[in-house]
Amino acid sequence: MRSESCVLVVTTFPDIETARDIAKILVEERLVACVNLIPQMESIYLWKEGIHNSHEVGGLMKTMESRVSVLETRLCQLHPYELPELIVLPVKGGLPAFLDWVSASVKRGG
C-alpha cells in the first residue's frame, strides 16, 4: 500500500492542554495518523542570547513524507511558540501493518 516513506516528526508544546488541542486538530485534519504526547519533559535551551529552562510536553507525530510541508505550515499556525520545534526523522522500518495504517490515515486527508 505504501509508495512513499513514513516519517516521525518531533515537536514540543508548552503544556498538556495546548498539546492535546493541537494534536486533535492535526489528527482530525489527517496531517498525522497519531501524536504521542510525552508530559513532564524539561528543556534547557539557548534562545535570544540567554539560556532558558522550561517544562514542556513532547510530541511524536507519525505521518508520511508528502504531508510534512502542509503539517509544518499548520503547526506554525496553531502553535503558541514564536519558533516551534519541528524535526523530521525518516522511518527506516517497522511493522508493515502499522506503516500501512499511517499511510492510509493521512492519505484520506491528502
PDB file of N, CA and C in Angstrom:
ATOM      1  N   MET A   1       0.813  -1.190   0.000  1.00  0.00           N
ATOM      2  CA  MET A   1       0.000   0.000   0.000  1.00  0.00           C
ATOM      3  C   MET A   1       0.864   1.265   0.000  1.00  0.00           C
ATOM      4  N   ARG A   2       1.994   1.234   0.679  1.00  0.00           N
ATOM      5  CA  ARG A   2       2.854   2.412   0.804  1.00  0.00           C
ATOM      6  C   ARG A   2       3.702   2.602  -0.445  1.00  0.00           C
ATOM      7  N   SER A   3       3.654   3.795  -1.016  1.00  0.00           N
ATOM      8  CA  SER A   3       4.534   4.109  -2.137  1.00  0.00           C
ATOM      9  C   SER A   3       5.536   5.185  -1.754  1.00  0.00           C
ATOM     10  N   GLU A   4       5.477   5.641  -0.516  1.00  0.00           N
ATOM     11  CA  GLU A   4       6.404   6.656  -0.031  1.00  0.00           C
ATOM     12  C   GLU A   4       6.777   6.336   1.408  1.00  0.00           C
ATOM     13  N   SER A   5       7.630   7.162   1.968  1.00  0.00           N
ATOM     14  CA  SER A   5       8.174   6.883   3.289  1.00  0.00           C
ATOM     15  C   SER A   5       7.370   7.503   4.413  1.00  0.00           C
ATOM     16  N   CYS A   6       7.250   6.732   5.473  1.00  0.00           N
ATOM     17  CA  CYS A   6       6.702   7.215   6.727  1.00  0.00           C
ATOM     18  C   CYS A   6       7.806   8.005   7.428  1.00  0.00           C
ATOM     19  N   VAL A   7       7.413   9.063   8.147  1.00  0.00           N
ATOM     20  CA  VAL A   7       8.374   9.856   8.906  1.00  0.00           C
ATOM     21  C   VAL A   7       7.851  10.079  10.315  1.00  0.00           C
ATOM     22  N   LEU A   8       8.778  10.351  11.217  1.00  0.00           N
ATOM     23  CA  LEU A   8       8.462  10.705  12.589  1.00  0.00           C
ATOM     24  C   LEU A   8       8.813  12.179  12.742  1.00  0.00           C
ATOM     25  N   VAL A   9       7.845  12.982  13.168  1.00  0.00           N
ATOM     26  CA  VAL A   9       8.061  14.414  13.345  1.00  0.00           C
ATOM     27  C   VAL A   9       8.051  14.705  14.843  1.00  0.00           C
ATOM     28  N   VAL A  10       9.091  15.366  15.309  1.00  0.00           N
ATOM     29  CA  VAL A  10       9.265  15.671  16.731  1.00  0.00           C
ATOM     30  C   VAL A  10       8.945  17.141  16.966  1.00  0.00           C
ATOM     31  N   THR A  11       8.203  17.418  18.031  1.00  0.00           N
ATOM     32  CA  THR A  11       7.901  18.792  18.416  1.00  0.00           C
ATOM     33  C   THR A  11       7.764  18.871  19.929  1.00  0.00           C
ATOM     34  N   THR A  12       7.582  20.087  20.434  1.00  0.00           N
ATOM     35  CA  THR A  12       7.309  20.306  21.856  1.00  0.00           C
ATOM     36  C   THR A  12       6.175  21.308  21.980  1.00  0.00           C
ATOM     37  N   PHE A  13       5.498  21.260  23.127  1.00  0.00           N
ATOM     38  CA  PHE A  13       4.395  22.156  23.441  1.00  0.00           C
ATOM     39  C   PHE A  13       4.608  22.728  24.838  1.00  0.00           C
ATOM     40  N   PRO A  14       4.010  23.883  25.132  1.00  0.00           N
ATOM     41  CA  PRO A  14       4.217  24.489  26.448  1.00  0.00           C
ATOM     42  C   PRO A  14       3.482  23.790  27.589  1.00  0.00           C
ATOM     43  N   ASP A  15       2.374  23.096  27.276  1.00  0.00           N
ATOM     44  CA  ASP A  15       1.585  22.438  28.319  1.00  0.00           C
ATOM     45  C   ASP A  15       0.708  21.361  27.688  1.00  0.00           C
ATOM     46  N   ILE A  16       0.138  20.515  28.533  1.00  0.00           N
ATOM     47  CA  ILE A  16      -0.625  19.356  28.047  1.00  0.00           C
ATOM     48  C   ILE A  16      -1.921  19.773  27.355  1.00  0.00           C
ATOM     49  N   GLU A  17      -2.568  20.823  27.828  1.00  0.00           N
ATOM     50  CA  GLU A  17      -3.819  21.256  27.195  1.00  0.00           C
ATOM     51  C   GLU A  17      -3.571  21.719  25.759  1.00  0.00           C
ATOM     52  N   THR A  18      -2.548  22.547  25.581  1.00  0.00           N
ATOM     53  CA  THR A  18      -2.183  23.012  24.239  1.00  0.00           C
ATOM     54  C   THR A  18      -1.791  21.832  23.363  1.00  0.00           C
ATOM     55  N   ALA A  19      -1.016  20.924  23.918  1.00  0.00           N
ATOM     56  CA  ALA A  19      -0.572  19.743  23.160  1.00  0.00           C
ATOM     57  C   ALA A  19      -1.767  18.919  22.692  1.00  0.00           C
ATOM     58  N   ARG A  20      -2.713  18.667  23.588  1.00  0.00           N
ATOM     59  CA  ARG A  20      -3.899  17.876  23.219  1.00  0.00           C
ATOM     60  C   ARG A  20      -4.724  18.580  22.156  1.00  0.00           C
ATOM     61  N   ASP A  21      -4.929  19.880  22.334  1.00  0.00           N
ATOM     62  CA  ASP A  21      -5.734  20.637  21.376  1.00  0.00           C
ATOM     63  C   ASP A  21      -5.117  20.592  19.978  1.00  0.00           C
ATOM     64  N   ILE A  22      -3.837  20.857  19.888  1.00  0.00           N
ATOM     65  CA  ILE A  22      -3.164  20.863  18.589  1.00  0.00           C
ATOM     66  C   ILE A  22      -3.108  19.455  18.004  1.00  0.00           C
ATOM     67  N   ALA A  23      -2.803  18.461  18.833  1.00  0.00           N
ATOM     68  CA  ALA A  23      -2.739  17.073  18.351  1.00  0.00           C
ATOM     69  C   ALA A  23      -4.076  16.639  17.755  1.00  0.00           C
ATOM     70  N   LYS A  24      -5.171  16.966  18.425  1.00  0.00           N
ATOM     71  CA  LYS A  24      -6.502  16.582  17.924  1.00  0.00           C
ATOM     72  C   LYS A  24      -6.777  17.219  16.569  1.00  0.00           C
ATOM     73  N   ILE A  25      -6.424  18.482  16.420  1.00  0.00           N
ATOM     74  CA  ILE A  25      -6.637  19.163  15.140  1.00  0.00           C
ATOM     75  C   ILE A  25      -5.821  18.501  14.035  1.00  0.00           C
ATOM     76  N   LEU A  26      -4.558  18.207  14.315  1.00  0.00           N
ATOM     77  CA  LEU A  26      -3.687  17.607  13.297  1.00  0.00           C
ATOM     78  C   LEU A  26      -4.168  16.224  12.881  1.00  0.00           C
ATOM     79  N   VAL A  27      -4.696  15.451  13.836  1.00  0.00           N
ATOM     80  CA  VAL A  27      -5.248  14.124  13.509  1.00  0.00           C
ATOM     81  C   VAL A  27      -6.557  14.292  12.735  1.00  0.00           C
ATOM     82  N   GLU A  28      -7.437  15.188  13.198  1.00  0.00           N
ATOM     83  CA  GLU A  28      -8.716  15.408  12.511  1.00  0.00           C
ATOM     84  C   GLU A  28      -8.507  15.859  11.070  1.00  0.00           C
ATOM     85  N   GLU A  29      -7.494  16.684  10.848  1.00  0.00           N
ATOM     86  CA  GLU A  29      -7.207  17.182   9.501  1.00  0.00           C
ATOM     87  C   GLU A  29      -6.386  16.197   8.672  1.00  0.00           C
ATOM     88  N   ARG A  30      -6.113  15.033   9.235  1.00  0.00           N
ATOM     89  CA  ARG A  30      -5.389  13.945   8.560  1.00  0.00           C
ATOM     90  C   ARG A  30      -3.980  14.348   8.133  1.00  0.00           C
ATOM     91  N   LEU A  31      -3.379  15.270   8.896  1.00  0.00           N
ATOM     92  CA  LEU A  31      -1.986  15.625   8.636  1.00  0.00           C
ATOM     93  C   LEU A  31      -1.043  14.647   9.312  1.00  0.00           C
ATOM     94  N   VAL A  32      -1.522  13.998  10.353  1.00  0.00           N
ATOM     95  CA  VAL A  32      -0.773  12.963  11.055  1.00  0.00           C
ATOM     96  C   VAL A  32      -1.727  11.826  11.382  1.00  0.00           C
ATOM     97  N   ALA A  33      -1.197  10.637  11.510  1.00  0.00           N
ATOM     98  CA  ALA A  33      -2.017   9.497  11.905  1.00  0.00           C
ATOM     99  C   ALA A  33      -2.149   9.421  13.418  1.00  0.00           C
ATOM    100  N   CYS A  34      -1.126   9.918  14.113  1.00  0.00           N
ATOM    101  CA  CYS A  34      -1.058   9.745  15.557  1.00  0.00           C
ATOM    102  C   CYS A  34      -0.076  10.761  16.136  1.00  0.00           C
ATOM    103  N   VAL A  35      -0.380  11.217  17.349  1.00  0.00           N
ATOM    104  CA  VAL A  35       0.564  12.042  18.104  1.00  0.00           C
ATOM    105  C   VAL A  35       0.704  11.424  19.494  1.00  0.00           C
ATOM    106  N   ASN A  36       1.904  11.017  19.837  1.00  0.00           N
ATOM    107  CA  ASN A  36       2.186  10.560  21.196  1.00  0.00           C
ATOM    108  C   ASN A  36       2.651  11.767  21.998  1.00  0.00           C
ATOM    109  N   LEU A  37       2.005  12.019  23.125  1.00  0.00           N
ATOM    110  CA  LEU A  37       2.370  13.141  23.985  1.00  0.00           C
ATOM    111  C   LEU A  37       3.180  12.637  25.164  1.00  0.00           C
ATOM    112  N   ILE A  38       4.276  13.300  25.419  1.00  0.00           N
ATOM    113  CA  ILE A  38       5.185  12.917  26.499  1.00  0.00           C
ATOM    114  C   ILE A  38       5.208  14.076  27.501  1.00  0.00           C
ATOM    115  N   PRO A  39       4.417  13.967  28.570  1.00  0.00           N
ATOM    116  CA  PRO A  39       4.354  15.069  29.537  1.00  0.00           C
ATOM    117  C   PRO A  39       5.596  15.122  30.420  1.00  0.00           C
ATOM    118  N   GLN A  40       5.754  16.258  31.053  1.00  0.00           N
ATOM    119  CA  GLN A  40       6.788  16.460  32.066  1.00  0.00           C
ATOM    120  C   GLN A  40       8.206  16.334  31.543  1.00  0.00           C
ATOM    121  N   MET A  41       8.433  16.859  30.347  1.00  0.00           N
ATOM    122  CA  MET A  41       9.802  16.970  29.837  1.00  0.00           C
ATOM    123  C   MET A  41      10.402  18.263  30.370  1.00  0.00           C
ATOM    124  N   GLU A  42      11.681  18.272  30.528  1.00  0.00           N
ATOM    125  CA  GLU A  42      12.371  19.505  30.873  1.00  0.00           C
ATOM    126  C   GLU A  42      13.321  19.845  29.736  1.00  0.00           C
ATOM    127  N   SER A  43      13.241  21.078  29.264  1.00  0.00           N
ATOM    128  CA  SER A  43      14.090  21.527  28.159  1.00  0.00           C
ATOM    129  C   SER A  43      15.013  22.635  28.643  1.00  0.00           C
ATOM    130  N   ILE A  44      16.258  22.526  28.284  1.00  0.00           N
ATOM    131  CA  ILE A  44      17.256  23.559  28.545  1.00  0.00           C
ATOM    132  C   ILE A  44      17.787  23.970  27.185  1.00  0.00           C
ATOM    133  N   TYR A  45      17.665  25.255  26.869  1.00  0.00           N
ATOM    134  CA  TYR A  45      17.974  25.688  25.506  1.00  0.00           C
ATOM    135  C   TYR A  45      18.457  27.132  25.464  1.00  0.00           C
ATOM    136  N   LEU A  46      19.157  27.447  24.387  1.00  0.00           N
ATOM    137  CA  LEU A  46      19.629  28.797  24.117  1.00  0.00           C
ATOM    138  C   LEU A  46      18.586  29.491  23.251  1.00  0.00           C
ATOM    139  N   TRP A  47      18.121  30.663  23.698  1.00  0.00           N
ATOM    140  CA  TRP A  47      17.135  31.419  22.929  1.00  0.00           C
ATOM    141  C   TRP A  47      17.339  32.894  23.203  1.00  0.00           C
ATOM    142  N   LYS A  48      17.526  33.651  22.141  1.00  0.00           N
ATOM    143  CA  LYS A  48      17.705  35.108  22.223  1.00  0.00           C
ATOM    144  C   LYS A  48      18.766  35.493  23.240  1.00  0.00           C
ATOM    145  N   GLU A  49      19.939  34.922  23.057  1.00  0.00           N
ATOM    146  CA  GLU A  49      21.131  35.254  23.849  1.00  0.00           C
ATOM    147  C   GLU A  49      21.063  34.828  25.312  1.00  0.00           C
ATOM    148  N   GLY A  50      20.131  33.980  25.671  1.00  0.00           N
ATOM    149  CA  GLY A  50      20.064  33.515  27.055  1.00  0.00           C
ATOM    150  C   GLY A  50      19.798  32.032  27.125  1.00  0.00           C
ATOM    151  N   ILE A  51      20.183  31.448  28.248  1.00  0.00           N
ATOM    152  CA  ILE A  51      19.907  30.029  28.498  1.00  0.00           C
ATOM    153  C   ILE A  51      18.596  29.965  29.281  1.00  0.00           C
ATOM    154  N   HIS A  52      17.683  29.137  28.787  1.00  0.00           N
ATOM    155  CA  HIS A  52      16.358  29.019  29.394  1.00  0.00           C
ATOM    156  C   HIS A  52      16.114  27.585  29.840  1.00  0.00           C
ATOM    157  N   ASN A  53      15.225  27.445  30.783  1.00  0.00           N
ATOM    158  CA  ASN A  53      14.824  26.153  31.319  1.00  0.00           C
ATOM    159  C   ASN A  53      13.303  26.155  31.373  1.00  0.00           C
ATOM    160  N   SER A  54      12.664  25.207  30.684  1.00  0.00           N
ATOM    161  CA  SER A  54      11.204  25.152  30.633  1.00  0.00           C
ATOM    162  C   SER A  54      10.717  23.723  30.809  1.00  0.00           C
ATOM    163  N   HIS A  55       9.550  23.594  31.416  1.00  0.00           N
ATOM    164  CA  HIS A  55       8.847  22.317  31.431  1.00  0.00           C
ATOM    165  C   HIS A  55       7.952  22.303  30.198  1.00  0.00           C
ATOM    166  N   GLU A  56       8.047  21.241  29.419  1.00  0.00           N
ATOM    167  CA  GLU A  56       7.310  21.151  28.171  1.00  0.00           C
ATOM    168  C   GLU A  56       6.695  19.759  28.035  1.00  0.00           C
ATOM    169  N   VAL A  57       5.880  19.622  26.999  1.00  0.00           N
ATOM    170  CA  VAL A  57       5.302  18.338  26.614  1.00  0.00           C
ATOM    171  C   VAL A  57       5.875  17.990  25.255  1.00  0.00           C
ATOM    172  N   GLY A  58       6.445  16.808  25.132  1.00  0.00           N
ATOM    173  CA  GLY A  58       6.979  16.361  23.850  1.00  0.00           C
ATOM    174  C   GLY A  58       5.884  15.770  22.990  1.00  0.00           C
ATOM    175  N   GLY A  59       6.052  15.904  21.691  1.00  0.00           N
ATOM    176  CA  GLY A  59       5.103  15.319  20.755  1.00  0.00           C
ATOM    177  C   GLY A  59       5.828  14.544  19.681  1.00  0.00           C
ATOM    178  N   LEU A  60       5.432  13.293  19.496  1.00  0.00           N
ATOM    179  CA  LEU A  60       5.973  12.440  18.432  1.00  0.00           C
ATOM    180  C   LEU A  60       4.842  12.172  17.452  1.00  0.00           C
ATOM    181  N   MET A  61       4.976  12.685  16.240  1.00  0.00           N
ATOM    182  CA  MET A  61       3.908  12.601  15.250  1.00  0.00           C
ATOM    183  C   MET A  61       4.310  11.665  14.118  1.00  0.00           C
ATOM    184  N   LYS A  62       3.400  10.764  13.768  1.00  0.00           N
ATOM    185  CA  LYS A  62       3.639   9.848  12.657  1.00  0.00           C
ATOM    186  C   LYS A  62       2.845  10.314  11.448  1.00  0.00           C
ATOM    187  N   THR A  63       3.545  10.479  10.317  1.00  0.00           N
ATOM    188  CA  THR A  63       2.906  10.911   9.090  1.00  0.00           C
ATOM    189  C   THR A  63       3.715  10.402   7.905  1.00  0.00           C
ATOM    190  N   MET A  64       3.327  10.848   6.722  1.00  0.00           N
ATOM    191  CA  MET A  64       4.043  10.477   5.514  1.00  0.00           C
ATOM    192  C   MET A  64       4.827  11.686   5.012  1.00  0.00           C
ATOM    193  N   GLU A  65       5.910  11.399   4.322  1.00  0.00           N
ATOM    194  CA  GLU A  65       6.802  12.438   3.822  1.00  0.00           C
ATOM    195  C   GLU A  65       6.051  13.511   3.019  1.00  0.00           C
ATOM    196  N   SER A  66       5.065  13.102   2.238  1.00  0.00           N
ATOM    197  CA  SER A  66       4.329  14.046   1.390  1.00  0.00           C
ATOM    198  C   SER A  66       3.479  15.030   2.189  1.00  0.00           C
ATOM    199  N   ARG A  67       3.210  14.746   3.461  1.00  0.00           N
ATOM    200  CA  ARG A  67       2.352  15.611   4.287  1.00  0.00           C
ATOM    201  C   ARG A  67       3.160  16.593   5.142  1.00  0.00           C
ATOM    202  N   VAL A  68       4.479  16.469   5.134  1.00  0.00           N
ATOM    203  CA  VAL A  68       5.316  17.270   6.035  1.00  0.00           C
ATOM    204  C   VAL A  68       5.194  18.767   5.764  1.00  0.00           C
ATOM    205  N   SER A  69       5.179  19.172   4.528  1.00  0.00           N
ATOM    206  CA  SER A  69       5.111  20.596   4.203  1.00  0.00           C
ATOM    207  C   SER A  69       3.818  21.229   4.729  1.00  0.00           C
ATOM    208  N   VAL A  70       2.699  20.562   4.509  1.00  0.00           N
ATOM    209  CA  VAL A  70       1.417  21.068   4.989  1.00  0.00           C
ATOM    210  C   VAL A  70       1.369  21.006   6.515  1.00  0.00           C
ATOM    211  N   LEU A  71       1.914  19.947   7.096  1.00  0.00           N
ATOM    212  CA  LEU A  71       1.984  19.824   8.551  1.00  0.00           C
ATOM    213  C   LEU A  71       2.797  20.972   9.146  1.00  0.00           C
ATOM    214  N   GLU A  72       3.915  21.285   8.534  1.00  0.00           N
ATOM    215  CA  GLU A  72       4.760  22.374   9.014  1.00  0.00           C
ATOM    216  C   GLU A  72       3.988  23.696   9.038  1.00  0.00           C
ATOM    217  N   THR A  73       3.313  23.998   7.943  1.00  0.00           N
ATOM    218  CA  THR A  73       2.529  25.239   7.863  1.00  0.00           C
ATOM    219  C   THR A  73       1.442  25.271   8.933  1.00  0.00           C
ATOM    220  N   ARG A  74       0.725  24.175   9.073  1.00  0.00           N
ATOM    221  CA  ARG A  74      -0.392  24.128  10.026  1.00  0.00           C
ATOM    222  C   ARG A  74       0.101  24.187  11.463  1.00  0.00           C
ATOM    223  N   LEU A  75       1.176  23.489  11.776  1.00  0.00           N
ATOM    224  CA  LEU A  75       1.718  23.522  13.133  1.00  0.00           C
ATOM    225  C   LEU A  75       2.122  24.950  13.495  1.00  0.00           C
ATOM    226  N   CYS A  76       2.746  25.650  12.577  1.00  0.00           N
ATOM    227  CA  CYS A  76       3.147  27.039  12.846  1.00  0.00           C
ATOM    228  C   CYS A  76       1.934  27.941  13.050  1.00  0.00           C
ATOM    229  N   GLN A  77       0.837  27.674  12.356  1.00  0.00           N
ATOM    230  CA  GLN A  77      -0.391  28.449  12.537  1.00  0.00           C
ATOM    231  C   GLN A  77      -1.004  28.223  13.916  1.00  0.00           C
ATOM    232  N   LEU A  78      -0.970  26.993  14.379  1.00  0.00           N
ATOM    233  CA  LEU A  78      -1.638  26.616  15.622  1.00  0.00           C
ATOM    234  C   LEU A  78      -0.788  26.838  16.870  1.00  0.00           C
ATOM    235  N   HIS A  79       0.512  26.785  16.714  1.00  0.00           N
ATOM    236  CA  HIS A  79       1.434  26.731  17.855  1.00  0.00           C
ATOM    237  C   HIS A  79       1.629  28.098  18.497  1.00  0.00           C
ATOM    238  N   PRO A  80       1.662  28.154  19.837  1.00  0.00           N
ATOM    239  CA  PRO A  80       1.863  29.447  20.509  1.00  0.00           C
ATOM    240  C   PRO A  80       3.308  29.937  20.510  1.00  0.00           C
ATOM    241  N   TYR A  81       4.272  29.049  20.255  1.00  0.00           N
ATOM    242  CA  TYR A  81       5.673  29.470  20.267  1.00  0.00           C
ATOM    243  C   TYR A  81       5.990  30.319  19.042  1.00  0.00           C
ATOM    244  N   GLU A  82       6.874  31.265  19.209  1.00  0.00           N
ATOM    245  CA  GLU A  82       7.374  32.075  18.094  1.00  0.00           C
ATOM    246  C   GLU A  82       8.080  31.180  17.071  1.00  0.00           C
ATOM    247  N   LEU A  83       8.800  30.197  17.554  1.00  0.00           N
ATOM    248  CA  LEU A  83       9.520  29.258  16.695  1.00  0.00           C
ATOM    249  C   LEU A  83       9.323  27.834  17.232  1.00  0.00           C
ATOM    250  N   PRO A  84       8.275  27.147  16.766  1.00  0.00           N
ATOM    251  CA  PRO A  84       8.050  25.780  17.263  1.00  0.00           C
ATOM    252  C   PRO A  84       9.124  24.809  16.759  1.00  0.00           C
ATOM    253  N   GLU A  85       9.406  23.833  17.583  1.00  0.00           N
ATOM    254  CA  GLU A  85      10.313  22.762  17.157  1.00  0.00           C
ATOM    255  C   GLU A  85       9.594  21.890  16.142  1.00  0.00           C
ATOM    256  N   LEU A  86      10.273  21.560  15.055  1.00  0.00           N
ATOM    257  CA  LEU A  86       9.759  20.610  14.083  1.00  0.00           C
ATOM    258  C   LEU A  86      10.960  19.946  13.443  1.00  0.00           C
ATOM    259  N   ILE A  87      11.179  18.705  13.819  1.00  0.00           N
ATOM    260  CA  ILE A  87      12.296  17.913  13.292  1.00  0.00           C
ATOM    261  C   ILE A  87      11.709  16.663  12.654  1.00  0.00           C
ATOM    262  N   VAL A  88      12.104  16.383  11.430  1.00  0.00           N
ATOM    263  CA  VAL A  88      11.586  15.243  10.679  1.00  0.00           C
ATOM    264  C   VAL A  88      12.660  14.158  10.631  1.00  0.00           C
ATOM    265  N   LEU A  89      12.289  12.968  11.090  1.00  0.00           N
ATOM    266  CA  LEU A  89      13.204  11.822  11.092  1.00  0.00           C
ATOM    267  C   LEU A  89      12.652  10.727  10.187  1.00  0.00           C
ATOM    268  N   PRO A  90      13.477  10.169   9.315  1.00  0.00           N
ATOM    269  CA  PRO A  90      13.000   9.078   8.467  1.00  0.00           C
ATOM    270  C   PRO A  90      12.751   7.819   9.290  1.00  0.00           C
ATOM    271  N   VAL A  91      11.742   7.082   8.876  1.00  0.00           N
ATOM    272  CA  VAL A  91      11.464   5.777   9.487  1.00  0.00           C
ATOM    273  C   VAL A  91      12.051   4.740   8.549  1.00  0.00           C
ATOM    274  N   LYS A  92      13.041   4.012   9.022  1.00  0.00           N
ATOM    275  CA  LYS A  92      13.755   3.044   8.178  1.00  0.00           C
ATOM    276  C   LYS A  92      13.112   1.664   8.160  1.00  0.00           C
ATOM    277  N   GLY A  93      12.169   1.451   9.042  1.00  0.00           N
ATOM    278  CA  GLY A  93      11.500   0.160   9.095  1.00  0.00           C
ATOM    279  C   GLY A  93      10.414   0.201  10.141  1.00  0.00           C
ATOM    280  N   GLY A  94       9.721  -0.898  10.266  1.00  0.00           N
ATOM    281  CA  GLY A  94       8.654  -1.001  11.246  1.00  0.00           C
ATOM    282  C   GLY A  94       7.690  -2.093  10.851  1.00  0.00           C
ATOM    283  N   LEU A  95       6.731  -2.316  11.694  1.00  0.00           N
ATOM    284  CA  LEU A  95       5.707  -3.318  11.421  1.00  0.00           C
ATOM    285  C   LEU A  95       4.937  -2.875  10.168  1.00  0.00           C
ATOM    286  N   PRO A  96       4.960  -3.653   9.100  1.00  0.00           N
ATOM    287  CA  PRO A  96       4.320  -3.234   7.852  1.00  0.00           C
ATOM    288  C   PRO A  96       2.851  -2.832   8.019  1.00  0.00           C
ATOM    289  N   ALA A  97       2.102  -3.555   8.815  1.00  0.00           N
ATOM    290  CA  ALA A  97       0.691  -3.207   9.002  1.00  0.00           C
ATOM    291  C   ALA A  97       0.542  -1.835   9.670  1.00  0.00           C
ATOM    292  N   PHE A  98       1.431  -1.505  10.605  1.00  0.00           N
ATOM    293  CA  PHE A  98       1.384  -0.196  11.252  1.00  0.00           C
ATOM    294  C   PHE A  98       1.716   0.907  10.263  1.00  0.00           C
ATOM    295  N   LEU A  99       2.766   0.711   9.474  1.00  0.00           N
ATOM    296  CA  LEU A  99       3.162   1.705   8.481  1.00  0.00           C
ATOM    297  C   LEU A  99       2.077   1.894   7.429  1.00  0.00           C
ATOM    298  N   ASP A 100       1.384   0.812   7.060  1.00  0.00           N
ATOM    299  CA  ASP A 100       0.257   0.916   6.129  1.00  0.00           C
ATOM    300  C   ASP A 100      -0.878   1.726   6.745  1.00  0.00           C
ATOM    301  N   TRP A 101      -1.111   1.534   8.054  1.00  0.00           N
ATOM    302  CA  TRP A 101      -2.142   2.294   8.753  1.00  0.00           C
ATOM    303  C   TRP A 101      -1.815   3.791   8.748  1.00  0.00           C
ATOM    304  N   VAL A 102      -0.560   4.144   9.019  1.00  0.00           N
ATOM    305  CA  VAL A 102      -0.156   5.550   8.974  1.00  0.00           C
ATOM    306  C   VAL A 102      -0.425   6.117   7.591  1.00  0.00           C
ATOM    307  N   SER A 103       0.003   5.406   6.573  1.00  0.00           N
ATOM    308  CA  SER A 103      -0.190   5.853   5.195  1.00  0.00           C
ATOM    309  C   SER A 103      -1.674   6.042   4.868  1.00  0.00           C
ATOM    310  N   ALA A 104      -2.476   5.059   5.189  1.00  0.00           N
ATOM    311  CA  ALA A 104      -3.917   5.133   4.895  1.00  0.00           C
ATOM    312  C   ALA A 104      -4.578   6.257   5.694  1.00  0.00           C
ATOM    313  N   SER A 105      -4.169   6.476   6.908  1.00  0.00           N
ATOM    314  CA  SER A 105      -4.772   7.503   7.764  1.00  0.00           C
ATOM    315  C   SER A 105      -4.544   8.908   7.221  1.00  0.00           C
ATOM    316  N   VAL A 106      -3.340   9.196   6.754  1.00  0.00           N
ATOM    317  CA  VAL A 106      -3.060  10.549   6.282  1.00  0.00           C
ATOM    318  C   VAL A 106      -3.464  10.728   4.808  1.00  0.00           C
ATOM    319  N   LYS A 107      -3.499   9.664   4.035  1.00  0.00           N
ATOM    320  CA  LYS A 107      -3.865   9.777   2.628  1.00  0.00           C
ATOM    321  C   LYS A 107      -5.335  10.146   2.467  1.00  0.00           C
ATOM    322  N   ARG A 108      -6.162   9.770   3.435  1.00  0.00           N
ATOM    323  CA  ARG A 108      -7.578  10.132   3.372  1.00  0.00           C
ATOM    324  C   ARG A 108      -7.773  11.642   3.371  1.00  0.00           C
ATOM    325  N   GLY A 109      -6.807  12.367   3.945  1.00  0.00           N
ATOM    326  CA  GLY A 109      -6.928  13.815   4.015  1.00  0.00           C
ATOM    327  C   GLY A 109      -6.115  14.522   2.950  1.00  0.00           C
ATOM    328  N   GLY A 110      -5.239  13.816   2.283  1.00  0.00           N
ATOM    329  CA  GLY A 110      -4.337  14.472   1.342  1.00  0.00           C
ATOM    330  C   GLY A 110      -4.690  14.195  -0.051  1.00  0.00           C
TER     331      GLY A 110
END
